[in-house]
Amino acid sequence: MKSYFLAPIASRDAAIAALTAALLGQSETWLLKDAAGDVMAYFYVAEPDATTADRMVVADISGRHYNCDADVVAVLQKLKAELGGEIANDA
């Protein structure tokens, strides 16, 4: 598994609304699926804690779709246009 992050996010409510609009008909945890319905990535809003100072949208890419970064980043770019922040990964 690998992860992408969109941070910092000012408002949890705005992030939830943006995720719900981008990934229609879903709520926490939001799923990005391929054409066959297989889950490519899991999206959620992470709050600041002992390991991170920022609220962020996290996208964990499924191991079966490890090389589908472009699809995940495309969703994060849509969210970035609405929420701000910067996109990074755990590499």
C-alpha atoms as a PDB file:
ATOM      1  CA  MET A   1       0.000   0.000   0.000  1.00  0.00           C
ATOM      2  CA  LYS A   2       1.055   3.570  -0.569  1.00  0.00           C
ATOM      3  CA  SER A   3      -0.593   6.823   0.372  1.00  0.00           C
ATOM      4  CA  TYR A   4      -1.143  10.308  -0.970  1.00  0.00           C
ATOM      5  CA  PHE A   5      -2.042  13.322   1.151  1.00  0.00           C
ATOM      6  CA  LEU A   6      -3.710  16.680   0.550  1.00  0.00           C
ATOM      7  CA  ALA A   7      -2.732  19.070   3.339  1.00  0.00           C
ATOM      8  CA  PRO A   8      -3.306  21.346   5.082  1.00  0.00           C
ATOM      9  CA  ILE A   9      -7.109  21.355   5.038  1.00  0.00           C
ATOM     10  CA  ALA A  10      -8.768  24.139   7.043  1.00  0.00           C
ATOM     11  CA  SER A  11     -12.235  22.647   7.429  1.00  0.00           C
ATOM     12  CA  ARG A  12     -13.257  19.045   8.082  1.00  0.00           C
ATOM     13  CA  ASP A  13     -16.803  19.843   6.925  1.00  0.00           C
ATOM     14  CA  ALA A  14     -15.551  21.313   3.636  1.00  0.00           C
ATOM     15  CA  ALA A  15     -13.339  18.265   3.050  1.00  0.00           C
ATOM     16  CA  ILE A  16     -16.260  15.890   3.704  1.00  0.00           C
ATOM     17  CA  ALA A  17     -18.485  17.853   1.309  1.00  0.00           C
ATOM     18  CA  ALA A  18     -15.794  17.890  -1.391  1.00  0.00           C
ATOM     19  CA  LEU A  19     -15.133  14.151  -1.058  1.00  0.00           C
ATOM     20  CA  THR A  20     -18.840  13.372  -1.166  1.00  0.00           C
ATOM     21  CA  ALA A  21     -19.205  15.480  -4.337  1.00  0.00           C
ATOM     22  CA  ALA A  22     -16.130  13.934  -5.996  1.00  0.00           C
ATOM     23  CA  LEU A  23     -17.011  10.331  -5.089  1.00  0.00           C
ATOM     24  CA  LEU A  24     -20.777  10.400  -5.471  1.00  0.00           C
ATOM     25  CA  GLY A  25     -23.108   8.529  -3.180  1.00  0.00           C
ATOM     26  CA  GLN A  26     -20.484   7.750  -0.567  1.00  0.00           C
ATOM     27  CA  SER A  27     -19.515   8.808   2.918  1.00  0.00           C
ATOM     28  CA  GLU A  28     -16.602   8.012   5.202  1.00  0.00           C
ATOM     29  CA  THR A  29     -14.594   6.091   4.014  1.00  0.00           C
ATOM     30  CA  TRP A  30     -14.865   7.133   0.351  1.00  0.00           C
ATOM     31  CA  LEU A  31     -13.865   4.564  -2.273  1.00  0.00           C
ATOM     32  CA  LEU A  32     -12.376   5.119  -5.712  1.00  0.00           C
ATOM     33  CA  LYS A  33     -13.260   2.111  -7.875  1.00  0.00           C
ATOM     34  CA  ASP A  34     -12.085   0.935 -11.275  1.00  0.00           C
ATOM     35  CA  ALA A  35     -14.428   0.085 -14.155  1.00  0.00           C
ATOM     36  CA  ALA A  36     -14.913  -3.457 -12.798  1.00  0.00           C
ATOM     37  CA  GLY A  37     -15.912  -2.132  -9.358  1.00  0.00           C
ATOM     38  CA  ASP A  38     -12.679  -3.126  -7.622  1.00  0.00           C
ATOM     39  CA  VAL A  39     -11.517  -0.620  -4.998  1.00  0.00           C
ATOM     40  CA  MET A  40      -8.442   1.290  -6.139  1.00  0.00           C
ATOM     41  CA  ALA A  41      -8.110   3.669  -3.188  1.00  0.00           C
ATOM     42  CA  TYR A  42      -9.654   4.553   0.162  1.00  0.00           C
ATOM     43  CA  PHE A  43     -10.080   8.264   1.003  1.00  0.00           C
ATOM     44  CA  TYR A  44     -10.628   9.719   4.484  1.00  0.00           C
ATOM     45  CA  VAL A  45     -10.095  12.903   6.477  1.00  0.00           C
ATOM     46  CA  ALA A  46      -7.349  12.667   9.112  1.00  0.00           C
ATOM     47  CA  GLU A  47      -7.257  15.044  12.050  1.00  0.00           C
ATOM     48  CA  PRO A  48      -4.058  16.476  13.573  1.00  0.00           C
ATOM     49  CA  ASP A  49      -2.486  14.199  16.162  1.00  0.00           C
ATOM     50  CA  ALA A  50       0.885  13.371  17.692  1.00  0.00           C
ATOM     51  CA  THR A  51       2.334  12.392  14.290  1.00  0.00           C
ATOM     52  CA  THR A  52       0.993  15.233  12.127  1.00  0.00           C
ATOM     53  CA  ALA A  53       0.185  18.869  12.747  1.00  0.00           C
ATOM     54  CA  ASP A  54      -2.253  19.245   9.854  1.00  0.00           C
ATOM     55  CA  ARG A  55      -5.769  18.093   9.034  1.00  0.00           C
ATOM     56  CA  MET A  56      -5.558  16.283   5.690  1.00  0.00           C
ATOM     57  CA  VAL A  57      -7.301  14.161   3.121  1.00  0.00           C
ATOM     58  CA  VAL A  58      -5.558  10.786   2.886  1.00  0.00           C
ATOM     59  CA  ALA A  59      -5.805   8.412  -0.064  1.00  0.00           C
ATOM     60  CA  ASP A  60      -4.515   4.881   0.566  1.00  0.00           C
ATOM     61  CA  ILE A  61      -3.951   3.020  -2.700  1.00  0.00           C
ATOM     62  CA  SER A  62      -4.830  -0.684  -2.707  1.00  0.00           C
ATOM     63  CA  GLY A  63      -1.933  -3.041  -3.294  1.00  0.00           C
ATOM     64  CA  ARG A  64      -3.733  -4.507  -6.321  1.00  0.00           C
ATOM     65  CA  HIS A  65      -3.741  -1.021  -7.875  1.00  0.00           C
ATOM     66  CA  TYR A  66      -0.311   0.080  -6.714  1.00  0.00           C
ATOM     67  CA  ASN A  67       0.518   1.748 -10.050  1.00  0.00           C
ATOM     68  CA  CYS A  68      -2.772   3.661 -10.439  1.00  0.00           C
ATOM     69  CA  ASP A  69      -1.361   6.877  -9.024  1.00  0.00           C
ATOM     70  CA  ALA A  70      -2.732   9.029 -11.850  1.00  0.00           C
ATOM     71  CA  ASP A  71      -6.341   8.131 -11.008  1.00  0.00           C
ATOM     72  CA  VAL A  72      -5.851   8.927  -7.327  1.00  0.00           C
ATOM     73  CA  VAL A  73      -3.964  12.158  -7.992  1.00  0.00           C
ATOM     74  CA  ALA A  74      -6.728  13.275 -10.387  1.00  0.00           C
ATOM     75  CA  VAL A  75      -9.266  13.058  -7.524  1.00  0.00           C
ATOM     76  CA  LEU A  76      -6.886  14.879  -5.177  1.00  0.00           C
ATOM     77  CA  GLN A  77      -6.368  17.628  -7.778  1.00  0.00           C
ATOM     78  CA  LYS A  78     -10.141  18.191  -7.901  1.00  0.00           C
ATOM     79  CA  LEU A  79     -10.195  18.399  -4.112  1.00  0.00           C
ATOM     80  CA  LYS A  80      -7.190  20.737  -4.112  1.00  0.00           C
ATOM     81  CA  ALA A  81      -8.998  23.152  -6.444  1.00  0.00           C
ATOM     82  CA  GLU A  82     -11.767  23.438  -3.865  1.00  0.00           C
ATOM     83  CA  LEU A  83      -9.905  23.028  -0.564  1.00  0.00           C
ATOM     84  CA  GLY A  84      -6.383  24.278  -1.226  1.00  0.00           C
ATOM     85  CA  GLY A  85      -3.378  22.518   0.231  1.00  0.00           C
ATOM     86  CA  GLU A  86      -0.597  20.590  -1.444  1.00  0.00           C
ATOM     87  CA  ILE A  87      -0.489  17.003  -2.707  1.00  0.00           C
ATOM     88  CA  ALA A  88       2.305  14.751  -1.422  1.00  0.00           C
ATOM     89  CA  ASN A  89       2.942  11.029  -1.118  1.00  0.00           C
ATOM     90  CA  ASP A  90       4.701   8.794   1.360  1.00  0.00           C
ATOM     91  CA  ALA A  91       7.568   7.923  -0.992  1.00  0.00           C
END
